[in-house]
Amino acid sequence: MSTASASRRHAVAELVRSRNESRGGIPFRRLLAILALAALAVLVIFWLCGFLAGTPAEVQAVRTAVDEQVARLAAVGRNEAPLSYDSTGFGAVMERARDVPREHRDAVRQEMGRLFEARERAELDSYFATPPERRMAELDRRIKAEEERRKVWEAERARRQAERSRDAATTGTGSSAGASGSGGSGQRGTGGGGGGGSGPPTSGRRAGTEESRNARRKTQLDATTPERRAMQTEYRRQMDERRRQLGLEPGRRW
């Protein structure tokens, strides 16, 4: 009797459950599938918004170019290729780094640090891998290349400064024209704008570059061995001595 009653209660419970499901209840497996799809949609949204994005494309492009140059410089360090101061690949990396958006500059700065370290390492290793009887000629070749590069760099800097001055003058002229009806304050603003546009930004960039160069050199010194530092000191001594013999001032380290 009790067994029959229990069976009837179980049957009624199953009937109620199936009726509830047919009226809108969600089975457990279907609920899991819905939750999984929702989680995937959230991940896609985050990715589109940049929260889960990996290395930005601009930074990755610079990193790939730096890797190529580092490999080339490693060959230079083994004297498998001559050291060049006007490598088109090196210049292309510099231009690509300048075009990176401001928010990614820190990452690019690290990549460029790798490139400069590799270049300085190649410069040092290739020199001491040169037979002693050929080192004087190699110093002369490098000094001549450095001087040619310096002239090109100074000409480029002059061109950019002239462009900035023209842009500042154009902007100042527009500002003074717009403010000419307000009692003559526009002329004073033009002079201030012109001076501000050409002077302080340039000195600020130089200061920033010098600070980053010094910080990079300190990091290199901390990471090098005493033997390596001795090689750097000796190379610089020989280079500066040869420049003095040629009537040139000691070269600035990059």
Protein backbone atom coordinates (compact mmCIF):
# COMPACT_ATOMS: atom_id res chain seq x y z
CA MET A 1 0.00 0.00 0.00
CA SER A 2 2.75 2.43 1.06
CA THR A 3 4.85 1.44 -1.94
CA ALA A 4 2.01 2.25 -4.31
CA SER A 5 1.48 5.63 -2.65
CA ALA A 6 5.16 6.47 -2.96
CA SER A 7 5.12 5.57 -6.63
CA ARG A 8 2.12 7.79 -7.22
CA ARG A 9 3.80 10.73 -5.44
CA HIS A 10 6.96 10.28 -7.53
CA ALA A 11 4.94 10.18 -10.71
CA VAL A 12 3.07 13.34 -9.74
CA ALA A 13 6.36 15.12 -8.95
CA GLU A 14 7.81 14.14 -12.31
CA LEU A 15 4.64 15.35 -14.04
CA VAL A 16 4.86 18.73 -12.26
CA ARG A 17 8.54 19.12 -13.12
CA SER A 18 8.06 18.35 -16.78
CA ARG A 19 5.06 20.72 -16.92
CA ASN A 20 7.15 23.52 -15.37
CA GLU A 21 9.91 22.99 -17.91
CA SER A 22 7.43 23.10 -20.76
CA ARG A 23 6.05 26.37 -19.40
CA GLY A 24 9.39 28.16 -19.36
CA GLY A 25 11.74 26.40 -16.99
CA ILE A 26 15.39 26.12 -18.24
CA PRO A 27 17.21 22.78 -18.10
CA PHE A 28 20.61 22.81 -16.39
CA ARG A 29 22.60 22.08 -19.56
CA ARG A 30 20.84 24.82 -21.46
CA LEU A 31 21.54 27.24 -18.62
CA LEU A 32 25.27 26.36 -18.74
CA ALA A 33 25.33 26.96 -22.49
CA ILE A 34 23.67 30.36 -22.08
CA LEU A 35 26.14 31.37 -19.37
CA ALA A 36 29.08 30.26 -21.51
CA LEU A 37 27.84 32.32 -24.46
CA ALA A 38 27.36 35.33 -22.20
CA ALA A 39 30.91 35.02 -20.86
CA LEU A 40 32.27 34.75 -24.41
CA ALA A 41 30.36 37.87 -25.41
CA VAL A 42 31.87 39.78 -22.48
CA LEU A 43 35.38 38.69 -23.48
CA VAL A 44 34.78 39.84 -27.05
CA ILE A 45 33.55 43.21 -25.82
CA PHE A 46 36.59 43.61 -23.57
CA TRP A 47 38.89 42.71 -26.46
CA LEU A 48 37.23 45.24 -28.75
CA CYS A 49 37.59 47.90 -26.05
CA GLY A 50 41.30 47.11 -25.66
CA PHE A 51 41.18 45.69 -22.12
CA LEU A 52 42.50 42.31 -23.21
CA ALA A 53 44.53 43.47 -26.18
CA GLY A 54 48.10 42.25 -26.46
CA THR A 55 51.03 44.27 -27.76
CA PRO A 56 49.79 47.17 -29.91
CA ALA A 57 50.48 46.79 -33.60
CA GLU A 58 52.69 49.90 -33.69
CA VAL A 59 54.87 48.61 -30.84
CA GLN A 60 55.04 45.14 -32.36
CA ALA A 61 56.20 46.62 -35.68
CA VAL A 62 59.01 48.48 -33.91
CA ARG A 63 59.93 45.36 -31.93
CA THR A 64 60.17 43.26 -35.08
CA ALA A 65 62.32 45.87 -36.80
CA VAL A 66 64.57 46.11 -33.72
CA ASP A 67 64.96 42.32 -33.64
CA GLU A 68 66.12 42.39 -37.26
CA GLN A 69 68.66 45.12 -36.54
CA VAL A 70 69.91 43.37 -33.39
CA ALA A 71 70.56 40.23 -35.42
CA ARG A 72 72.43 42.27 -38.04
CA LEU A 73 74.49 44.01 -35.36
CA ALA A 74 75.40 40.66 -33.82
CA ALA A 75 77.00 39.77 -37.15
CA VAL A 76 78.84 43.11 -37.08
CA GLY A 77 80.16 42.27 -33.62
CA ARG A 78 81.60 39.04 -35.02
CA ASN A 79 83.23 41.04 -37.86
CA GLU A 80 81.05 39.24 -40.37
CA ALA A 81 79.84 42.63 -41.64
CA PRO A 82 81.33 46.15 -41.40
CA LEU A 83 80.04 48.64 -38.86
CA SER A 84 77.94 51.25 -40.65
CA TYR A 85 76.85 54.65 -39.32
CA ASP A 86 74.32 55.31 -42.07
CA SER A 87 72.37 52.07 -42.09
CA THR A 88 69.03 52.56 -43.80
CA GLY A 89 67.52 49.90 -41.57
CA PHE A 90 68.61 51.74 -38.43
CA GLY A 91 67.15 54.99 -39.72
CA ALA A 92 63.91 53.28 -40.69
CA VAL A 93 63.50 51.97 -37.14
CA MET A 94 64.04 55.47 -35.77
CA GLU A 95 61.39 56.91 -38.09
CA ARG A 96 58.94 54.17 -37.20
CA ALA A 97 59.52 54.79 -33.49
CA ARG A 98 58.82 58.51 -33.93
CA ASP A 99 55.44 57.74 -35.51
CA VAL A 100 54.20 55.64 -32.56
CA PRO A 101 51.31 57.25 -30.62
CA ARG A 102 52.27 58.98 -27.40
CA GLU A 103 50.52 56.43 -25.18
CA HIS A 104 52.86 53.69 -26.45
CA ARG A 105 56.10 55.68 -26.23
CA ASP A 106 57.34 53.98 -23.04
CA ALA A 107 57.18 50.53 -24.63
CA VAL A 108 58.91 51.80 -27.77
CA ARG A 109 61.58 53.51 -25.66
CA GLN A 110 62.48 50.14 -24.17
CA GLU A 111 62.77 48.62 -27.63
CA MET A 112 64.99 51.45 -28.81
CA GLY A 113 67.14 50.96 -25.72
CA ARG A 114 67.71 47.38 -26.85
CA LEU A 115 68.73 48.65 -30.27
CA PHE A 116 71.23 51.20 -28.96
CA GLU A 117 72.74 48.67 -26.58
CA ALA A 118 73.17 46.20 -29.44
CA ARG A 119 74.77 48.87 -31.59
CA GLU A 120 77.25 49.94 -28.90
CA ARG A 121 78.07 46.30 -28.22
CA ALA A 122 78.70 45.69 -31.92
CA GLU A 123 80.88 48.80 -32.16
CA LEU A 124 83.04 47.63 -29.28
CA ASP A 125 83.26 43.93 -30.17
CA SER A 126 84.00 44.51 -33.83
CA TYR A 127 86.84 46.91 -33.01
CA PHE A 128 88.65 44.55 -30.66
CA ALA A 129 88.06 41.67 -33.08
CA THR A 130 90.01 43.66 -35.67
CA PRO A 131 93.72 42.76 -35.88
CA PRO A 132 95.85 45.36 -34.05
CA GLU A 133 97.68 46.42 -37.20
CA ARG A 134 94.38 47.37 -38.83
CA ARG A 135 92.77 49.19 -35.91
CA MET A 136 94.16 52.63 -36.78
CA ALA A 137 92.62 52.45 -40.24
CA GLU A 138 89.36 51.24 -38.71
CA LEU A 139 89.34 54.19 -36.31
CA ASP A 140 89.89 56.57 -39.23
CA ARG A 141 87.00 54.99 -41.12
CA ARG A 142 84.69 55.29 -38.13
CA ILE A 143 85.70 58.87 -37.38
CA LYS A 144 85.05 59.90 -40.98
CA ALA A 145 81.65 58.20 -40.87
CA GLU A 146 80.82 59.87 -37.55
CA GLU A 147 81.67 63.30 -38.95
CA GLU A 148 79.53 62.73 -42.02
CA ARG A 149 76.66 61.57 -39.86
CA ARG A 150 77.06 64.62 -37.60
CA LYS A 151 76.83 66.98 -40.59
CA VAL A 152 73.69 65.25 -41.84
CA TRP A 153 72.16 65.36 -38.36
CA GLU A 154 72.93 69.07 -37.94
CA ALA A 155 71.43 69.86 -41.35
CA GLU A 156 68.30 67.90 -40.46
CA ARG A 157 68.04 69.65 -37.10
CA ALA A 158 68.36 73.06 -38.78
CA ARG A 159 65.65 72.11 -41.27
CA ARG A 160 63.27 71.04 -38.51
CA GLN A 161 63.94 74.17 -36.49
CA ALA A 162 63.22 76.29 -39.56
CA GLU A 163 59.95 74.41 -40.07
CA ARG A 164 58.97 74.95 -36.43
CA SER A 165 59.79 78.64 -36.72
CA ARG A 166 57.63 78.96 -39.85
CA ASP A 167 54.78 77.08 -38.17
CA ALA A 168 55.08 79.27 -35.08
CA ALA A 169 55.10 82.42 -37.21
CA THR A 170 52.04 81.24 -39.13
CA THR A 171 50.18 80.40 -35.94
CA GLY A 172 51.20 83.71 -34.36
CA THR A 173 50.01 85.67 -37.41
CA GLY A 174 46.64 83.99 -37.26
CA SER A 175 46.34 84.68 -33.53
CA SER A 176 47.26 88.33 -33.89
CA ALA A 177 44.80 88.75 -36.75
CA GLY A 178 42.04 87.28 -34.64
CA ALA A 179 42.91 89.43 -31.64
CA SER A 180 43.63 92.70 -33.50
CA GLY A 181 40.32 94.19 -32.47
CA SER A 182 40.89 93.70 -28.75
CA GLY A 183 43.21 96.61 -28.00
CA GLY A 184 46.65 95.55 -29.36
CA SER A 185 47.25 92.56 -27.12
CA GLY A 186 47.56 90.34 -30.16
CA GLN A 187 51.00 91.68 -31.08
CA ARG A 188 52.39 90.90 -27.67
CA GLY A 189 50.83 87.45 -27.90
CA THR A 190 52.47 86.87 -31.27
CA GLY A 191 55.92 87.55 -29.92
CA GLY A 192 55.37 85.30 -26.93
CA GLY A 193 53.90 82.55 -29.05
CA GLY A 194 56.78 82.65 -31.49
CA GLY A 195 59.38 82.43 -28.75
CA GLY A 196 57.52 79.70 -26.94
CA GLY A 197 57.04 77.67 -30.10
CA SER A 198 60.68 77.48 -31.09
CA GLY A 199 62.73 77.64 -27.90
CA PRO A 200 61.54 75.71 -24.85
CA PRO A 201 60.19 72.59 -26.59
CA THR A 202 63.53 72.02 -28.27
CA SER A 203 65.53 72.44 -25.06
CA GLY A 204 63.04 70.24 -23.24
CA ARG A 205 63.45 67.48 -25.79
CA ARG A 206 67.23 67.77 -25.53
CA ALA A 207 67.06 67.54 -21.75
CA GLY A 208 64.80 64.53 -21.94
CA THR A 209 67.05 62.83 -24.45
CA GLU A 210 70.15 63.52 -22.35
CA GLU A 211 68.47 62.20 -19.22
CA SER A 212 67.32 59.03 -20.94
CA ARG A 213 70.79 58.55 -22.44
CA ASN A 214 72.44 58.90 -19.05
CA ALA A 215 69.92 56.55 -17.43
CA ARG A 216 70.48 53.99 -20.18
CA ARG A 217 74.25 54.25 -19.80
CA LYS A 218 74.00 53.81 -16.03
CA THR A 219 71.85 50.72 -16.52
CA GLN A 220 74.40 49.34 -18.97
CA LEU A 221 77.28 49.99 -16.59
CA ASP A 222 75.45 48.28 -13.75
CA ALA A 223 74.84 45.25 -15.94
CA THR A 224 78.37 44.94 -17.37
CA THR A 225 81.44 43.27 -15.93
CA PRO A 226 84.60 45.17 -14.94
CA GLU A 227 86.35 43.64 -17.95
CA ARG A 228 83.67 44.97 -20.26
CA ARG A 229 83.86 48.44 -18.72
CA ALA A 230 87.63 48.37 -19.16
CA MET A 231 87.15 47.60 -22.87
CA GLN A 232 84.71 50.49 -23.23
CA THR A 233 87.11 52.88 -21.52
CA GLU A 234 90.04 51.77 -23.68
CA TYR A 235 88.04 52.00 -26.89
CA ARG A 236 86.88 55.51 -26.04
CA ARG A 237 90.44 56.53 -25.12
CA GLN A 238 91.83 55.32 -28.43
CA MET A 239 89.00 56.93 -30.38
CA ASP A 240 89.38 60.32 -28.68
CA GLU A 241 93.17 60.22 -29.03
CA ARG A 242 92.90 59.58 -32.76
CA ARG A 243 90.36 62.38 -33.14
CA ARG A 244 92.76 64.79 -31.43
CA GLN A 245 95.52 63.68 -33.80
CA LEU A 246 93.20 64.54 -36.69
CA GLY A 247 92.39 67.96 -35.20
CA LEU A 248 88.86 67.01 -34.10
CA GLU A 249 87.12 67.35 -30.78
CA PRO A 250 86.26 64.19 -28.83
CA GLY A 251 83.10 62.63 -30.15
CA ARG A 252 79.88 62.60 -28.12
CA ARG A 253 78.65 59.19 -27.06
CA TRP A 254 75.13 58.27 -28.18
